[in-house]
């Protein structure tokens, strides 16, 4: 993958997007292949790690901190 992102054509076309990941540091991702003038795409974060937003989502649907902790204790999440 490093060779792909280092390719002069990839750099010229802006096919790579650099983002900062909280664990991995700066990471190169494949940018949007289509460039739209009125609605440009922007990649500014990487996909979340598995379970990264579980607590927030479960709290939003009404589970208490204790209920979420219980699910974790029982390896449900």
PDB file of N, CA and C in Angstrom:
ATOM      1  N   UNK A   1       0.819  -1.190   0.000  1.00  0.00           N
ATOM      2  CA  UNK A   1       0.000   0.000   0.000  1.00  0.00           C
ATOM      3  C   UNK A   1       0.863   1.254   0.000  1.00  0.00           C
ATOM      4  N   UNK A   2       1.991   1.205   0.688  1.00  0.00           N
ATOM      5  CA  UNK A   2       2.869   2.376   0.696  1.00  0.00           C
ATOM      6  C   UNK A   2       3.298   2.753  -0.719  1.00  0.00           C
ATOM      7  N   UNK A   3       3.569   1.735  -1.547  1.00  0.00           N
ATOM      8  CA  UNK A   3       3.967   2.006  -2.932  1.00  0.00           C
ATOM      9  C   UNK A   3       2.832   2.651  -3.718  1.00  0.00           C
ATOM     10  N   UNK A   4       1.607   2.215  -3.461  1.00  0.00           N
ATOM     11  CA  UNK A   4       0.456   2.795  -4.158  1.00  0.00           C
ATOM     12  C   UNK A   4       0.342   4.273  -3.837  1.00  0.00           C
ATOM     13  N   UNK A   5       0.392   4.623  -2.570  1.00  0.00           N
ATOM     14  CA  UNK A   5       0.228   6.017  -2.169  1.00  0.00           C
ATOM     15  C   UNK A   5       1.433   6.879  -2.560  1.00  0.00           C
ATOM     16  N   UNK A   6       2.584   6.255  -2.781  1.00  0.00           N
ATOM     17  CA  UNK A   6       3.773   6.992  -3.202  1.00  0.00           C
ATOM     18  C   UNK A   6       3.822   7.204  -4.711  1.00  0.00           C
ATOM     19  N   UNK A   7       2.958   6.542  -5.454  1.00  0.00           N
ATOM     20  CA  UNK A   7       2.946   6.659  -6.911  1.00  0.00           C
ATOM     21  C   UNK A   7       2.670   8.099  -7.336  1.00  0.00           C
ATOM     22  N   UNK A   8       3.452   8.644  -8.276  1.00  0.00           N
ATOM     23  CA  UNK A   8       3.268  10.035  -8.709  1.00  0.00           C
ATOM     24  C   UNK A   8       1.864  10.332  -9.248  1.00  0.00           C
ATOM     25  N   UNK A   9       1.263   9.383  -9.965  1.00  0.00           N
ATOM     26  CA  UNK A   9      -0.083   9.609 -10.507  1.00  0.00           C
ATOM     27  C   UNK A   9      -1.116   9.687  -9.391  1.00  0.00           C
ATOM     28  N   UNK A  10      -0.984   8.827  -8.388  1.00  0.00           N
ATOM     29  CA  UNK A  10      -1.893   8.856  -7.235  1.00  0.00           C
ATOM     30  C   UNK A  10      -1.769  10.201  -6.521  1.00  0.00           C
ATOM     31  N   UNK A  11      -0.551  10.677  -6.348  1.00  0.00           N
ATOM     32  CA  UNK A  11      -0.341  11.972  -5.698  1.00  0.00           C
ATOM     33  C   UNK A  11      -0.888  13.109  -6.541  1.00  0.00           C
ATOM     34  N   UNK A  12      -0.661  13.072  -7.846  1.00  0.00           N
ATOM     35  CA  UNK A  12      -1.134  14.126  -8.748  1.00  0.00           C
ATOM     36  C   UNK A  12      -2.661  14.225  -8.743  1.00  0.00           C
ATOM     37  N   UNK A  13      -3.341  13.080  -8.741  1.00  0.00           N
ATOM     38  CA  UNK A  13      -4.800  13.062  -8.774  1.00  0.00           C
ATOM     39  C   UNK A  13      -5.433  13.293  -7.404  1.00  0.00           C
ATOM     40  N   UNK A  14      -4.624  13.292  -6.349  1.00  0.00           N
ATOM     41  CA  UNK A  14      -5.170  13.476  -5.003  1.00  0.00           C
ATOM     42  C   UNK A  14      -6.009  12.290  -4.568  1.00  0.00           C
ATOM     43  N   UNK A  15      -5.598  11.099  -4.990  1.00  0.00           N
ATOM     44  CA  UNK A  15      -6.352   9.889  -4.694  1.00  0.00           C
ATOM     45  C   UNK A  15      -6.173   9.425  -3.249  1.00  0.00           C
ATOM     46  N   UNK A  16      -5.198   9.934  -2.557  1.00  0.00           N
ATOM     47  CA  UNK A  16      -4.959   9.563  -1.165  1.00  0.00           C
ATOM     48  C   UNK A  16      -5.390  10.702  -0.250  1.00  0.00           C
ATOM     49  N   UNK A  17      -5.950  10.324   0.885  1.00  0.00           N
ATOM     50  CA  UNK A  17      -6.345  11.304   1.895  1.00  0.00           C
ATOM     51  C   UNK A  17      -5.660  10.939   3.205  1.00  0.00           C
ATOM     52  N   UNK A  18      -4.949  11.882   3.783  1.00  0.00           N
ATOM     53  CA  UNK A  18      -4.279  11.641   5.065  1.00  0.00           C
ATOM     54  C   UNK A  18      -5.235  12.006   6.196  1.00  0.00           C
ATOM     55  N   UNK A  19      -5.412  11.086   7.126  1.00  0.00           N
ATOM     56  CA  UNK A  19      -6.231  11.357   8.310  1.00  0.00           C
ATOM     57  C   UNK A  19      -5.413  10.999   9.542  1.00  0.00           C
ATOM     58  N   UNK A  20      -5.811  11.539  10.672  1.00  0.00           N
ATOM     59  CA  UNK A  20      -5.120  11.250  11.923  1.00  0.00           C
ATOM     60  C   UNK A  20      -5.970  10.276  12.729  1.00  0.00           C
ATOM     61  N   UNK A  21      -5.422   9.105  13.023  1.00  0.00           N
ATOM     62  CA  UNK A  21      -6.115   8.088  13.811  1.00  0.00           C
ATOM     63  C   UNK A  21      -5.580   8.152  15.239  1.00  0.00           C
ATOM     64  N   UNK A  22      -6.460   8.033  16.210  1.00  0.00           N
ATOM     65  CA  UNK A  22      -6.061   8.180  17.619  1.00  0.00           C
ATOM     66  C   UNK A  22      -5.053   7.134  18.070  1.00  0.00           C
ATOM     67  N   UNK A  23      -5.047   5.965  17.468  1.00  0.00           N
ATOM     68  CA  UNK A  23      -4.120   4.901  17.858  1.00  0.00           C
ATOM     69  C   UNK A  23      -2.985   4.735  16.847  1.00  0.00           C
ATOM     70  N   UNK A  24      -3.311   4.741  15.553  1.00  0.00           N
ATOM     71  CA  UNK A  24      -2.331   4.467  14.512  1.00  0.00           C
ATOM     72  C   UNK A  24      -1.582   5.699  14.017  1.00  0.00           C
ATOM     73  N   UNK A  25      -1.975   6.881  14.449  1.00  0.00           N
ATOM     74  CA  UNK A  25      -1.330   8.106  13.977  1.00  0.00           C
ATOM     75  C   UNK A  25      -1.821   8.463  12.584  1.00  0.00           C
ATOM     76  N   UNK A  26      -0.976   9.123  11.798  1.00  0.00           N
ATOM     77  CA  UNK A  26      -1.395   9.517  10.453  1.00  0.00           C
ATOM     78  C   UNK A  26      -1.535   8.286   9.571  1.00  0.00           C
ATOM     79  N   UNK A  27      -2.656   8.190   8.901  1.00  0.00           N
ATOM     80  CA  UNK A  27      -2.972   7.054   8.047  1.00  0.00           C
ATOM     81  C   UNK A  27      -3.443   7.566   6.697  1.00  0.00           C
ATOM     82  N   UNK A  28      -3.038   6.868   5.640  1.00  0.00           N
ATOM     83  CA  UNK A  28      -3.481   7.212   4.291  1.00  0.00           C
ATOM     84  C   UNK A  28      -4.693   6.363   3.933  1.00  0.00           C
ATOM     85  N   UNK A  29      -5.744   6.996   3.446  1.00  0.00           N
ATOM     86  CA  UNK A  29      -6.930   6.306   2.959  1.00  0.00           C
ATOM     87  C   UNK A  29      -7.144   6.657   1.500  1.00  0.00           C
ATOM     88  N   UNK A  30      -7.877   5.819   0.810  1.00  0.00           N
ATOM     89  CA  UNK A  30      -8.239   6.130  -0.567  1.00  0.00           C
ATOM     90  C   UNK A  30      -9.325   7.190  -0.519  1.00  0.00           C
ATOM     91  N   UNK A  31      -9.088   8.304  -1.204  1.00  0.00           N
ATOM     92  CA  UNK A  31     -10.044   9.416  -1.213  1.00  0.00           C
ATOM     93  C   UNK A  31     -11.191   9.111  -2.174  1.00  0.00           C
ATOM     94  N   UNK A  32     -12.170   9.983  -2.191  1.00  0.00           N
ATOM     95  CA  UNK A  32     -13.289   9.839  -3.115  1.00  0.00           C
ATOM     96  C   UNK A  32     -12.784   9.929  -4.553  1.00  0.00           C
ATOM     97  N   UNK A  33     -13.154   8.997  -5.407  1.00  0.00           N
ATOM     98  CA  UNK A  33     -12.637   9.001  -6.776  1.00  0.00           C
ATOM     99  C   UNK A  33     -13.275  10.058  -7.670  1.00  0.00           C
ATOM    100  N   UNK A  34     -14.454  10.525  -7.301  1.00  0.00           N
ATOM    101  CA  UNK A  34     -15.160  11.511  -8.122  1.00  0.00           C
ATOM    102  C   UNK A  34     -15.063  12.871  -7.444  1.00  0.00           C
ATOM    103  N   UNK A  35     -14.643  13.871  -8.196  1.00  0.00           N
ATOM    104  CA  UNK A  35     -14.519  15.224  -7.665  1.00  0.00           C
ATOM    105  C   UNK A  35     -15.702  16.058  -8.151  1.00  0.00           C
ATOM    106  N   UNK A  36     -16.567  16.485  -7.250  1.00  0.00           N
ATOM    107  CA  UNK A  36     -17.727  17.296  -7.588  1.00  0.00           C
ATOM    108  C   UNK A  36     -17.473  18.741  -7.167  1.00  0.00           C
ATOM    109  N   UNK A  37     -17.712  19.667  -8.046  1.00  0.00           N
ATOM    110  CA  UNK A  37     -17.387  21.070  -7.765  1.00  0.00           C
ATOM    111  C   UNK A  37     -18.327  21.694  -6.733  1.00  0.00           C
ATOM    112  N   UNK A  38     -19.624  21.368  -6.776  1.00  0.00           N
ATOM    113  CA  UNK A  38     -20.567  22.000  -5.848  1.00  0.00           C
ATOM    114  C   UNK A  38     -20.712  21.242  -4.535  1.00  0.00           C
ATOM    115  N   UNK A  39     -20.383  19.976  -4.525  1.00  0.00           N
ATOM    116  CA  UNK A  39     -20.484  19.179  -3.300  1.00  0.00           C
ATOM    117  C   UNK A  39     -19.225  18.337  -3.122  1.00  0.00           C
ATOM    118  N   UNK A  40     -18.103  18.995  -2.836  1.00  0.00           N
ATOM    119  CA  UNK A  40     -16.856  18.241  -2.699  1.00  0.00           C
ATOM    120  C   UNK A  40     -16.880  17.316  -1.476  1.00  0.00           C
ATOM    121  N   UNK A  41     -16.311  16.139  -1.649  1.00  0.00           N
ATOM    122  CA  UNK A  41     -16.222  15.173  -0.551  1.00  0.00           C
ATOM    123  C   UNK A  41     -14.986  15.475   0.279  1.00  0.00           C
ATOM    124  N   UNK A  42     -15.072  15.186   1.560  1.00  0.00           N
ATOM    125  CA  UNK A  42     -13.952  15.413   2.459  1.00  0.00           C
ATOM    126  C   UNK A  42     -13.853  14.234   3.415  1.00  0.00           C
ATOM    127  N   UNK A  43     -12.694  13.601   3.449  1.00  0.00           N
ATOM    128  CA  UNK A  43     -12.450  12.528   4.411  1.00  0.00           C
ATOM    129  C   UNK A  43     -11.592  13.128   5.516  1.00  0.00           C
ATOM    130  N   UNK A  44     -12.124  13.155   6.730  1.00  0.00           N
ATOM    131  CA  UNK A  44     -11.392  13.784   7.826  1.00  0.00           C
ATOM    132  C   UNK A  44     -11.218  12.882   9.040  1.00  0.00           C
ATOM    133  N   UNK A  45     -11.884  11.731   9.055  1.00  0.00           N
ATOM    134  CA  UNK A  45     -11.705  10.753  10.129  1.00  0.00           C
ATOM    135  C   UNK A  45     -11.726   9.356   9.542  1.00  0.00           C
ATOM    136  N   UNK A  46     -11.114   8.417  10.250  1.00  0.00           N
ATOM    137  CA  UNK A  46     -11.172   7.025   9.809  1.00  0.00           C
ATOM    138  C   UNK A  46     -12.435   6.387  10.380  1.00  0.00           C
ATOM    139  N   UNK A  47     -12.756   5.217   9.881  1.00  0.00           N
ATOM    140  CA  UNK A  47     -13.892   4.468  10.412  1.00  0.00           C
ATOM    141  C   UNK A  47     -13.617   4.130  11.881  1.00  0.00           C
ATOM    142  N   UNK A  48     -14.648   4.107  12.706  1.00  0.00           N
ATOM    143  CA  UNK A  48     -14.423   3.790  14.118  1.00  0.00           C
ATOM    144  C   UNK A  48     -13.972   2.348  14.301  1.00  0.00           C
ATOM    145  N   UNK A  49     -13.215   2.120  15.351  1.00  0.00           N
ATOM    146  CA  UNK A  49     -12.832   0.758  15.696  1.00  0.00           C
ATOM    147  C   UNK A  49     -14.068   0.018  16.188  1.00  0.00           C
ATOM    148  N   UNK A  50     -14.041  -1.292  16.117  1.00  0.00           N
ATOM    149  CA  UNK A  50     -15.182  -2.100  16.562  1.00  0.00           C
ATOM    150  C   UNK A  50     -15.523  -1.776  18.008  1.00  0.00           C
ATOM    151  N   UNK A  51     -16.763  -1.401  18.249  1.00  0.00           N
ATOM    152  CA  UNK A  51     -17.228  -1.106  19.601  1.00  0.00           C
ATOM    153  C   UNK A  51     -16.863   0.265  20.138  1.00  0.00           C
ATOM    154  N   UNK A  52     -16.211   1.076  19.333  1.00  0.00           N
ATOM    155  CA  UNK A  52     -15.741   2.384  19.809  1.00  0.00           C
ATOM    156  C   UNK A  52     -16.880   3.287  20.290  1.00  0.00           C
ATOM    157  N   UNK A  53     -18.041   3.197  19.658  1.00  0.00           N
ATOM    158  CA  UNK A  53     -19.159   4.076  20.017  1.00  0.00           C
ATOM    159  C   UNK A  53     -20.292   3.339  20.731  1.00  0.00           C
ATOM    160  N   UNK A  54     -20.038   2.119  21.168  1.00  0.00           N
ATOM    161  CA  UNK A  54     -21.092   1.310  21.781  1.00  0.00           C
ATOM    162  C   UNK A  54     -21.736   1.995  22.984  1.00  0.00           C
ATOM    163  N   UNK A  55     -20.927   2.520  23.900  1.00  0.00           N
ATOM    164  CA  UNK A  55     -21.495   3.155  25.091  1.00  0.00           C
ATOM    165  C   UNK A  55     -22.389   4.325  24.729  1.00  0.00           C
ATOM    166  N   UNK A  56     -21.946   5.157  23.817  1.00  0.00           N
ATOM    167  CA  UNK A  56     -22.720   6.323  23.413  1.00  0.00           C
ATOM    168  C   UNK A  56     -24.043   5.910  22.776  1.00  0.00           C
ATOM    169  N   UNK A  57     -23.993   4.940  21.889  1.00  0.00           N
ATOM    170  CA  UNK A  57     -25.205   4.493  21.200  1.00  0.00           C
ATOM    171  C   UNK A  57     -26.181   3.855  22.174  1.00  0.00           C
ATOM    172  N   UNK A  58     -25.682   2.997  23.044  1.00  0.00           N
ATOM    173  CA  UNK A  58     -26.564   2.346  24.015  1.00  0.00           C
ATOM    174  C   UNK A  58     -27.178   3.351  24.981  1.00  0.00           C
ATOM    175  N   UNK A  59     -26.420   4.366  25.365  1.00  0.00           N
ATOM    176  CA  UNK A  59     -26.958   5.414  26.235  1.00  0.00           C
ATOM    177  C   UNK A  59     -28.033   6.217  25.504  1.00  0.00           C
ATOM    178  N   UNK A  60     -27.830   6.463  24.211  1.00  0.00           N
ATOM    179  CA  UNK A  60     -28.819   7.214  23.428  1.00  0.00           C
ATOM    180  C   UNK A  60     -30.145   6.475  23.299  1.00  0.00           C
ATOM    181  N   UNK A  61     -30.110   5.149  23.347  1.00  0.00           N
ATOM    182  CA  UNK A  61     -31.370   4.412  23.256  1.00  0.00           C
ATOM    183  C   UNK A  61     -31.963   4.106  24.632  1.00  0.00           C
ATOM    184  N   UNK A  62     -31.351   4.684  25.661  1.00  0.00           N
ATOM    185  CA  UNK A  62     -31.965   4.638  26.980  1.00  0.00           C
ATOM    186  C   UNK A  62     -31.352   3.719  28.013  1.00  0.00           C
ATOM    187  N   UNK A  63     -30.264   3.032  27.709  1.00  0.00           N
ATOM    188  CA  UNK A  63     -29.655   2.174  28.709  1.00  0.00           C
ATOM    189  C   UNK A  63     -28.836   3.002  29.694  1.00  0.00           C
ATOM    190  N   UNK A  64     -28.879   2.604  30.944  1.00  0.00           N
ATOM    191  CA  UNK A  64     -28.107   3.299  31.974  1.00  0.00           C
ATOM    192  C   UNK A  64     -26.661   2.807  31.951  1.00  0.00           C
ATOM    193  N   UNK A  65     -25.790   3.527  32.657  1.00  0.00           N
ATOM    194  CA  UNK A  65     -24.389   3.106  32.741  1.00  0.00           C
ATOM    195  C   UNK A  65     -24.283   1.714  33.360  1.00  0.00           C
ATOM    196  N   UNK A  66     -25.123   1.437  34.360  1.00  0.00           N
ATOM    197  CA  UNK A  66     -25.121   0.127  35.010  1.00  0.00           C
ATOM    198  C   UNK A  66     -25.537  -0.986  34.065  1.00  0.00           C
ATOM    199  N   UNK A  67     -26.554  -0.710  33.255  1.00  0.00           N
ATOM    200  CA  UNK A  67     -26.996  -1.718  32.288  1.00  0.00           C
ATOM    201  C   UNK A  67     -25.926  -1.994  31.234  1.00  0.00           C
ATOM    202  N   UNK A  68     -25.264  -0.942  30.793  1.00  0.00           N
ATOM    203  CA  UNK A  68     -24.187  -1.113  29.816  1.00  0.00           C
ATOM    204  C   UNK A  68     -23.037  -1.901  30.435  1.00  0.00           C
ATOM    205  N   UNK A  69     -22.687  -1.569  31.674  1.00  0.00           N
ATOM    206  CA  UNK A  69     -21.619  -2.295  32.370  1.00  0.00           C
ATOM    207  C   UNK A  69     -21.987  -3.771  32.525  1.00  0.00           C
ATOM    208  N   UNK A  70     -23.268  -4.042  32.813  1.00  0.00           N
ATOM    209  CA  UNK A  70     -23.725  -5.426  32.947  1.00  0.00           C
ATOM    210  C   UNK A  70     -23.574  -6.177  31.621  1.00  0.00           C
ATOM    211  N   UNK A  71     -23.918  -5.524  30.508  1.00  0.00           N
ATOM    212  CA  UNK A  71     -23.758  -6.155  29.199  1.00  0.00           C
ATOM    213  C   UNK A  71     -22.296  -6.478  28.926  1.00  0.00           C
ATOM    214  N   UNK A  72     -21.397  -5.573  29.323  1.00  0.00           N
ATOM    215  CA  UNK A  72     -19.968  -5.819  29.128  1.00  0.00           C
ATOM    216  C   UNK A  72     -19.498  -6.978  30.013  1.00  0.00           C
ATOM    217  N   UNK A  73     -19.953  -7.012  31.256  1.00  0.00           N
ATOM    218  CA  UNK A  73     -19.564  -8.071  32.193  1.00  0.00           C
ATOM    219  C   UNK A  73     -19.978  -9.434  31.663  1.00  0.00           C
ATOM    220  N   UNK A  74     -21.166  -9.495  31.031  1.00  0.00           N
ATOM    221  CA  UNK A  74     -21.675 -10.762  30.494  1.00  0.00           C
ATOM    222  C   UNK A  74     -21.192 -11.034  29.084  1.00  0.00           C
ATOM    223  N   UNK A  75     -20.239 -10.189  28.578  1.00  0.00           N
ATOM    224  CA  UNK A  75     -19.684 -10.348  27.224  1.00  0.00           C
ATOM    225  C   UNK A  75     -20.743 -10.312  26.127  1.00  0.00           C
ATOM    226  N   UNK A  76     -21.814  -9.543  26.370  1.00  0.00           N
ATOM    227  CA  UNK A  76     -22.841  -9.362  25.347  1.00  0.00           C
ATOM    228  C   UNK A  76     -22.328  -8.347  24.318  1.00  0.00           C
ATOM    229  N   UNK A  77     -21.623  -7.351  24.806  1.00  0.00           N
ATOM    230  CA  UNK A  77     -20.987  -6.350  23.926  1.00  0.00           C
ATOM    231  C   UNK A  77     -19.506  -6.314  24.219  1.00  0.00           C
TER     232      UNK A  77
END
